Amino acid sequence: MNRFEGPGARPAKIRYLDGDFQILMPGSHVVCAVTGEIIPIEELKYWSVARQEAYVDVQASVTADQRAGILPTQR
């Protein structure tokens, strides 16, 4: 069993702000909106304020912006 399994492991509810985030309900992690990967709260670096979504890395963030039509897709 790892730290994201078991009775104490639950996703946090977070409000994503410009350059910061506010934890509304404590938890051990959030889930990437693009990949579904678990992101430990202490490793959370990428998110969208407009969409209120977390991303595991910069590539997932770019993919989300492409899906939203903010960035052009790669060819």
Protein backbone atom coordinates (compact mmCIF):
# COMPACT_ATOMS: atom_id res chain seq x y z
CA MET A 1 0.00 0.00 0.00
CA ASN A 2 1.31 3.48 -0.81
CA ARG A 3 0.43 6.89 0.59
CA PHE A 4 -2.36 7.36 -1.98
CA GLU A 5 -4.20 4.23 -0.89
CA GLY A 6 -6.05 3.42 2.28
CA PRO A 7 -8.32 5.32 4.65
CA GLY A 8 -6.25 8.54 4.94
CA ALA A 9 -5.70 8.95 1.21
CA ARG A 10 -8.27 11.13 -0.47
CA PRO A 11 -8.14 13.87 -3.07
CA ALA A 12 -7.97 17.43 -1.81
CA LYS A 13 -10.46 20.05 -2.96
CA ILE A 14 -8.50 23.09 -4.14
CA ARG A 15 -9.25 26.57 -5.45
CA TYR A 16 -6.57 27.44 -8.01
CA LEU A 17 -5.42 31.06 -7.90
CA ASP A 18 -2.86 33.10 -9.85
CA GLY A 19 0.50 31.80 -8.62
CA ASP A 20 -0.98 30.02 -5.60
CA PHE A 21 -3.77 27.71 -4.53
CA GLN A 22 -6.08 27.46 -1.55
CA ILE A 23 -6.91 24.12 0.01
CA LEU A 24 -10.65 24.01 0.64
CA MET A 25 -10.78 20.41 1.85
CA PRO A 26 -7.61 18.65 3.02
CA GLY A 27 -6.39 15.61 1.16
CA SER A 28 -3.16 13.95 0.09
CA HIS A 29 -3.36 14.66 -3.64
CA VAL A 30 -5.21 15.95 -6.70
CA VAL A 31 -5.75 14.24 -10.04
CA CYS A 32 -4.39 15.53 -13.36
CA ALA A 33 -7.27 16.66 -15.59
CA VAL A 34 -5.49 15.42 -18.73
CA THR A 35 -3.71 12.19 -17.76
CA GLY A 36 -5.60 11.07 -14.67
CA GLU A 37 -2.31 10.72 -12.79
CA ILE A 38 -2.19 11.38 -9.05
CA ILE A 39 -0.30 14.53 -8.07
CA PRO A 40 0.83 14.80 -4.44
CA ILE A 41 -0.14 18.23 -3.05
CA GLU A 42 3.51 19.02 -2.27
CA GLU A 43 4.42 18.43 -5.95
CA LEU A 44 1.58 20.47 -7.49
CA LYS A 45 3.07 23.08 -9.85
CA TYR A 46 0.77 23.36 -12.86
CA TRP A 47 -2.91 24.36 -12.99
CA SER A 48 -5.47 26.47 -14.79
CA VAL A 49 -7.20 29.25 -12.88
CA ALA A 50 -9.83 29.63 -15.62
CA ARG A 51 -10.68 25.92 -15.78
CA GLN A 52 -9.86 25.12 -12.12
CA GLU A 53 -7.87 22.03 -13.16
CA ALA A 54 -4.55 20.55 -12.04
CA TYR A 55 -1.90 19.13 -14.39
CA VAL A 56 0.90 16.68 -13.68
CA ASP A 57 3.45 18.53 -15.85
CA VAL A 58 3.89 21.29 -18.41
CA GLN A 59 3.03 18.98 -21.32
CA ALA A 60 -0.33 18.14 -19.75
CA SER A 61 -0.95 21.86 -19.24
CA VAL A 62 -0.16 22.59 -22.91
CA THR A 63 -2.42 19.72 -24.02
CA ALA A 64 -5.28 21.17 -21.95
CA ASP A 65 -4.76 24.61 -23.51
CA GLN A 66 -4.76 23.03 -26.98
CA ARG A 67 -8.01 21.18 -26.23
CA ALA A 68 -9.54 24.44 -24.98
CA GLY A 69 -8.52 26.18 -28.22
CA ILE A 70 -6.14 28.57 -26.47
CA LEU A 71 -3.04 27.16 -28.21
CA PRO A 72 -2.77 25.69 -31.70
CA THR A 73 -2.31 21.93 -31.93
CA GLN A 74 1.06 20.54 -33.07
CA ARG A 75 1.24 19.12 -36.59
